[in-house]
N, C-alpha and C. Protein backbone atom coordinates (compact mmCIF):
# COMPACT_ATOMS: atom_id res chain seq x y z
N MET A 1 42.67 -13.41 28.90
CA MET A 1 41.75 -13.94 27.93
C MET A 1 41.03 -12.77 27.26
N THR A 2 41.13 -12.66 25.97
CA THR A 2 40.48 -11.60 25.23
C THR A 2 39.50 -12.18 24.23
N ALA A 3 38.51 -11.41 23.94
CA ALA A 3 37.51 -11.84 22.96
C ALA A 3 37.92 -11.33 21.59
N LYS A 4 37.81 -12.17 20.60
CA LYS A 4 38.14 -11.79 19.23
C LYS A 4 36.87 -11.83 18.40
N LEU A 5 36.64 -10.77 17.66
CA LEU A 5 35.45 -10.69 16.82
C LEU A 5 35.74 -11.36 15.49
N ASN A 6 34.96 -12.36 15.17
CA ASN A 6 35.12 -13.07 13.91
C ASN A 6 34.09 -12.52 12.93
N TRP A 7 34.54 -11.86 11.88
CA TRP A 7 33.62 -11.27 10.91
C TRP A 7 32.95 -12.31 10.04
N PHE A 8 33.52 -13.47 9.95
CA PHE A 8 32.98 -14.50 9.07
C PHE A 8 32.16 -15.47 9.89
N PHE A 9 30.87 -15.48 9.63
CA PHE A 9 29.95 -16.30 10.37
C PHE A 9 29.95 -17.72 9.82
N ASN A 10 29.49 -18.67 10.58
CA ASN A 10 29.41 -20.07 10.19
C ASN A 10 30.77 -20.63 9.78
N ASN A 11 31.78 -20.36 10.58
CA ASN A 11 33.14 -20.87 10.35
C ASN A 11 33.70 -20.47 9.00
N GLY A 12 33.57 -19.24 8.66
CA GLY A 12 34.15 -18.73 7.43
C GLY A 12 33.23 -18.77 6.23
N ASP A 13 32.01 -19.28 6.39
CA ASP A 13 31.09 -19.36 5.26
C ASP A 13 30.10 -18.22 5.33
N LEU A 14 30.53 -17.05 4.93
CA LEU A 14 29.67 -15.86 4.96
C LEU A 14 28.63 -15.93 3.85
N HIS A 15 28.94 -16.65 2.78
CA HIS A 15 28.03 -16.71 1.64
C HIS A 15 26.68 -17.31 2.01
N SER A 16 26.63 -18.24 2.97
CA SER A 16 25.35 -18.85 3.34
C SER A 16 24.54 -17.94 4.26
N SER A 17 25.16 -16.93 4.87
CA SER A 17 24.42 -16.03 5.76
C SER A 17 23.72 -14.90 5.00
N ILE A 18 24.13 -14.62 3.78
CA ILE A 18 23.54 -13.52 3.01
C ILE A 18 22.07 -13.79 2.67
N PRO A 19 21.68 -14.98 2.19
CA PRO A 19 20.25 -15.21 1.95
C PRO A 19 19.41 -15.15 3.22
N ILE A 20 19.96 -15.57 4.34
CA ILE A 20 19.22 -15.51 5.61
C ILE A 20 18.98 -14.06 6.00
N ALA A 21 20.00 -13.22 5.85
CA ALA A 21 19.84 -11.80 6.17
C ALA A 21 18.87 -11.12 5.20
N THR A 22 18.89 -11.54 3.94
CA THR A 22 17.95 -10.99 2.96
C THR A 22 16.51 -11.36 3.31
N PHE A 23 16.31 -12.61 3.69
CA PHE A 23 14.98 -13.05 4.11
C PHE A 23 14.52 -12.30 5.35
N ALA A 24 15.42 -12.11 6.31
CA ALA A 24 15.08 -11.36 7.53
C ALA A 24 14.72 -9.92 7.20
N LEU A 25 15.44 -9.32 6.25
CA LEU A 25 15.13 -7.95 5.84
C LEU A 25 13.76 -7.86 5.19
N LEU A 26 13.48 -8.76 4.25
CA LEU A 26 12.18 -8.72 3.57
C LEU A 26 11.03 -9.00 4.53
N LEU A 27 11.21 -9.95 5.43
CA LEU A 27 10.17 -10.27 6.39
C LEU A 27 9.93 -9.12 7.36
N SER A 28 11.00 -8.50 7.83
CA SER A 28 10.82 -7.40 8.78
C SER A 28 10.23 -6.17 8.11
N ILE A 29 10.57 -5.91 6.85
CA ILE A 29 9.94 -4.79 6.13
C ILE A 29 8.45 -5.06 5.94
N TYR A 30 8.11 -6.29 5.56
CA TYR A 30 6.70 -6.62 5.39
C TYR A 30 5.93 -6.46 6.71
N LEU A 31 6.50 -6.95 7.79
CA LEU A 31 5.81 -6.86 9.08
C LEU A 31 5.74 -5.43 9.58
N ALA A 32 6.76 -4.63 9.29
CA ALA A 32 6.71 -3.21 9.70
C ALA A 32 5.63 -2.48 8.93
N LEU A 33 5.47 -2.79 7.65
CA LEU A 33 4.41 -2.14 6.87
C LEU A 33 3.04 -2.69 7.24
N ARG A 34 2.96 -3.96 7.55
CA ARG A 34 1.67 -4.59 7.86
C ARG A 34 1.12 -4.10 9.18
N PHE A 35 1.96 -4.03 10.21
CA PHE A 35 1.48 -3.67 11.53
C PHE A 35 1.82 -2.25 11.94
N ALA A 36 2.55 -1.52 11.12
CA ALA A 36 2.98 -0.14 11.41
C ALA A 36 3.62 -0.06 12.79
N ASP A 37 4.54 -0.96 13.03
CA ASP A 37 5.18 -1.10 14.32
C ASP A 37 6.58 -0.53 14.29
N SER A 38 6.91 0.28 15.29
CA SER A 38 8.25 0.88 15.31
C SER A 38 9.32 -0.14 15.67
N LEU A 39 8.98 -1.18 16.42
CA LEU A 39 9.95 -2.22 16.74
C LEU A 39 10.34 -2.99 15.48
N MET A 40 9.38 -3.30 14.64
CA MET A 40 9.70 -4.00 13.39
C MET A 40 10.46 -3.08 12.44
N ALA A 41 10.20 -1.78 12.50
CA ALA A 41 10.99 -0.85 11.70
C ALA A 41 12.45 -0.85 12.16
N LEU A 42 12.66 -0.93 13.47
CA LEU A 42 14.02 -1.04 14.00
C LEU A 42 14.67 -2.34 13.54
N PHE A 43 13.93 -3.45 13.59
CA PHE A 43 14.47 -4.72 13.13
C PHE A 43 14.81 -4.68 11.64
N SER A 44 13.98 -4.02 10.85
CA SER A 44 14.27 -3.94 9.41
C SER A 44 15.51 -3.08 9.15
N PHE A 45 15.68 -2.02 9.93
CA PHE A 45 16.88 -1.20 9.79
C PHE A 45 18.12 -1.99 10.17
N LEU A 46 18.05 -2.74 11.26
CA LEU A 46 19.18 -3.56 11.68
C LEU A 46 19.46 -4.69 10.69
N ALA A 47 18.41 -5.25 10.10
CA ALA A 47 18.60 -6.28 9.09
C ALA A 47 19.25 -5.69 7.83
N LEU A 48 18.86 -4.47 7.47
CA LEU A 48 19.49 -3.80 6.34
C LEU A 48 20.96 -3.55 6.61
N LEU A 49 21.27 -3.07 7.79
CA LEU A 49 22.68 -2.83 8.14
C LEU A 49 23.49 -4.13 8.14
N SER A 50 22.93 -5.19 8.70
CA SER A 50 23.67 -6.45 8.73
C SER A 50 23.87 -7.02 7.33
N LEU A 51 22.87 -6.87 6.47
CA LEU A 51 23.02 -7.35 5.10
C LEU A 51 24.09 -6.55 4.36
N ILE A 52 24.11 -5.26 4.54
CA ILE A 52 25.12 -4.43 3.87
C ILE A 52 26.51 -4.74 4.40
N VAL A 53 26.63 -4.98 5.71
CA VAL A 53 27.92 -5.35 6.28
C VAL A 53 28.41 -6.67 5.70
N MET A 54 27.52 -7.65 5.63
CA MET A 54 27.92 -8.95 5.07
C MET A 54 28.30 -8.84 3.61
N LEU A 55 27.53 -8.06 2.83
CA LEU A 55 27.86 -7.91 1.42
C LEU A 55 29.18 -7.17 1.22
N ALA A 56 29.45 -6.17 2.06
CA ALA A 56 30.70 -5.43 1.94
C ALA A 56 31.89 -6.31 2.28
N ILE A 57 31.75 -7.11 3.30
CA ILE A 57 32.87 -7.98 3.68
C ILE A 57 33.08 -9.08 2.64
N TYR A 58 31.98 -9.61 2.11
CA TYR A 58 32.09 -10.72 1.17
C TYR A 58 32.60 -10.28 -0.20
N HIS A 59 32.16 -9.13 -0.69
CA HIS A 59 32.48 -8.74 -2.07
C HIS A 59 33.64 -7.76 -2.19
N LEU A 60 34.00 -7.05 -1.14
CA LEU A 60 35.08 -6.08 -1.23
C LEU A 60 36.29 -6.57 -0.45
N SER A 61 37.46 -6.40 -1.03
CA SER A 61 38.67 -6.82 -0.33
C SER A 61 38.97 -5.90 0.85
N PHE A 62 38.52 -4.66 0.79
CA PHE A 62 38.74 -3.68 1.85
C PHE A 62 37.44 -3.40 2.61
N GLY A 63 36.51 -4.34 2.57
CA GLY A 63 35.18 -4.15 3.16
C GLY A 63 35.19 -3.92 4.65
N ALA A 64 36.05 -4.64 5.38
CA ALA A 64 36.07 -4.48 6.84
C ALA A 64 36.65 -3.13 7.25
N SER A 65 37.49 -2.56 6.41
CA SER A 65 38.10 -1.28 6.78
C SER A 65 37.18 -0.09 6.53
N ILE A 66 36.19 -0.22 5.65
CA ILE A 66 35.28 0.89 5.38
C ILE A 66 33.93 0.74 6.08
N LEU A 67 33.78 -0.26 6.93
CA LEU A 67 32.49 -0.51 7.58
C LEU A 67 31.96 0.67 8.39
N PRO A 68 32.77 1.35 9.19
CA PRO A 68 32.20 2.49 9.94
C PRO A 68 31.63 3.57 9.04
N PHE A 69 32.33 3.84 7.95
CA PHE A 69 31.86 4.87 7.02
C PHE A 69 30.62 4.40 6.25
N LEU A 70 30.58 3.13 5.93
CA LEU A 70 29.43 2.57 5.23
C LEU A 70 28.19 2.60 6.12
N VAL A 71 28.34 2.27 7.38
CA VAL A 71 27.20 2.30 8.31
C VAL A 71 26.72 3.73 8.52
N MET A 72 27.65 4.69 8.63
CA MET A 72 27.25 6.09 8.78
C MET A 72 26.53 6.58 7.53
N LEU A 73 27.00 6.18 6.34
CA LEU A 73 26.37 6.60 5.10
C LEU A 73 24.96 6.05 4.98
N ILE A 74 24.78 4.78 5.28
CA ILE A 74 23.46 4.16 5.20
C ILE A 74 22.51 4.78 6.22
N SER A 75 23.00 5.05 7.42
CA SER A 75 22.16 5.68 8.44
C SER A 75 21.74 7.08 8.01
N ALA A 76 22.66 7.84 7.41
CA ALA A 76 22.33 9.19 6.96
C ALA A 76 21.34 9.16 5.81
N VAL A 77 21.47 8.21 4.90
CA VAL A 77 20.54 8.11 3.77
C VAL A 77 19.14 7.74 4.26
N VAL A 78 19.05 6.80 5.18
CA VAL A 78 17.74 6.40 5.72
C VAL A 78 17.12 7.56 6.49
N TYR A 79 17.91 8.26 7.30
CA TYR A 79 17.39 9.40 8.04
C TYR A 79 16.90 10.50 7.10
N TYR A 80 17.67 10.82 6.07
CA TYR A 80 17.29 11.87 5.12
C TYR A 80 16.01 11.48 4.37
N PHE A 81 15.92 10.20 3.97
CA PHE A 81 14.73 9.73 3.27
C PHE A 81 13.48 9.89 4.12
N PHE A 82 13.54 9.49 5.37
CA PHE A 82 12.37 9.60 6.24
C PHE A 82 12.10 11.03 6.66
N PHE A 83 13.13 11.86 6.74
CA PHE A 83 12.94 13.27 7.04
C PHE A 83 12.18 13.95 5.91
N ILE A 84 12.55 13.66 4.66
CA ILE A 84 11.87 14.23 3.49
C ILE A 84 10.43 13.71 3.41
N CYS A 85 10.24 12.42 3.63
CA CYS A 85 8.88 11.85 3.57
C CYS A 85 7.99 12.45 4.65
N ARG A 86 8.53 12.67 5.83
CA ARG A 86 7.74 13.24 6.91
C ARG A 86 7.35 14.68 6.60
N GLN A 87 8.26 15.46 6.01
CA GLN A 87 7.94 16.84 5.66
C GLN A 87 6.88 16.89 4.58
N GLN A 88 6.95 16.02 3.59
CA GLN A 88 5.95 16.02 2.53
C GLN A 88 4.59 15.61 3.06
N THR A 89 4.55 14.70 4.00
CA THR A 89 3.28 14.29 4.59
C THR A 89 2.67 15.43 5.39
N GLU A 90 3.48 16.15 6.15
CA GLU A 90 2.96 17.28 6.92
C GLU A 90 2.47 18.39 6.01
N ILE A 91 3.17 18.63 4.91
CA ILE A 91 2.75 19.67 3.97
C ILE A 91 1.44 19.29 3.31
N CYS A 92 1.31 18.04 2.90
CA CYS A 92 0.06 17.59 2.28
C CYS A 92 -1.09 17.66 3.28
N THR A 93 -0.86 17.27 4.49
CA THR A 93 -1.90 17.32 5.50
C THR A 93 -2.28 18.76 5.82
N LEU A 94 -1.28 19.63 5.93
CA LEU A 94 -1.55 21.03 6.21
C LEU A 94 -2.30 21.68 5.05
N SER A 95 -1.91 21.37 3.82
CA SER A 95 -2.62 21.96 2.68
C SER A 95 -4.05 21.43 2.59
N ALA A 96 -4.25 20.17 2.93
CA ALA A 96 -5.61 19.62 2.92
C ALA A 96 -6.46 20.30 3.99
N LEU A 97 -5.89 20.55 5.15
CA LEU A 97 -6.63 21.24 6.21
C LEU A 97 -6.94 22.68 5.82
N LEU A 98 -6.01 23.35 5.17
CA LEU A 98 -6.23 24.73 4.74
C LEU A 98 -7.33 24.82 3.69
N THR A 99 -7.36 23.87 2.76
CA THR A 99 -8.41 23.90 1.74
C THR A 99 -9.77 23.56 2.35
N LEU A 100 -9.79 22.68 3.34
CA LEU A 100 -11.05 22.38 4.00
C LEU A 100 -11.56 23.56 4.80
N SER A 101 -10.65 24.27 5.47
CA SER A 101 -11.10 25.42 6.25
C SER A 101 -11.47 26.60 5.36
N ALA A 102 -10.88 26.71 4.18
CA ALA A 102 -11.20 27.81 3.27
C ALA A 102 -12.56 27.59 2.63
N ASN A 103 -12.98 26.34 2.46
CA ASN A 103 -14.27 26.04 1.85
C ASN A 103 -15.43 26.26 2.80
N ARG A 104 -15.19 26.42 4.08
CA ARG A 104 -16.29 26.61 5.05
C ARG A 104 -16.76 27.99 5.07
């Protein structure tokens, strides 16, 4: 007995799962920003990945074959975006501290 992964949710109706994943993404982004919670940030990232997977499978004929590369690309883009934002925040904070200490 082997398990088979069915890419099409709801008995082949992937189209009805896309709005649900979009709502989950928007709700988790709102809650991550509202509560500044790392768990909700993880949920929003997973909701983004699931939405992109569903859209790739639904709209592309070769969507299932490029999924590993698509997930790696999205993960790299999100990591790079937050890496740049974190560096800019540290630079702004450091420059603010330097100007405050220079004024004393």
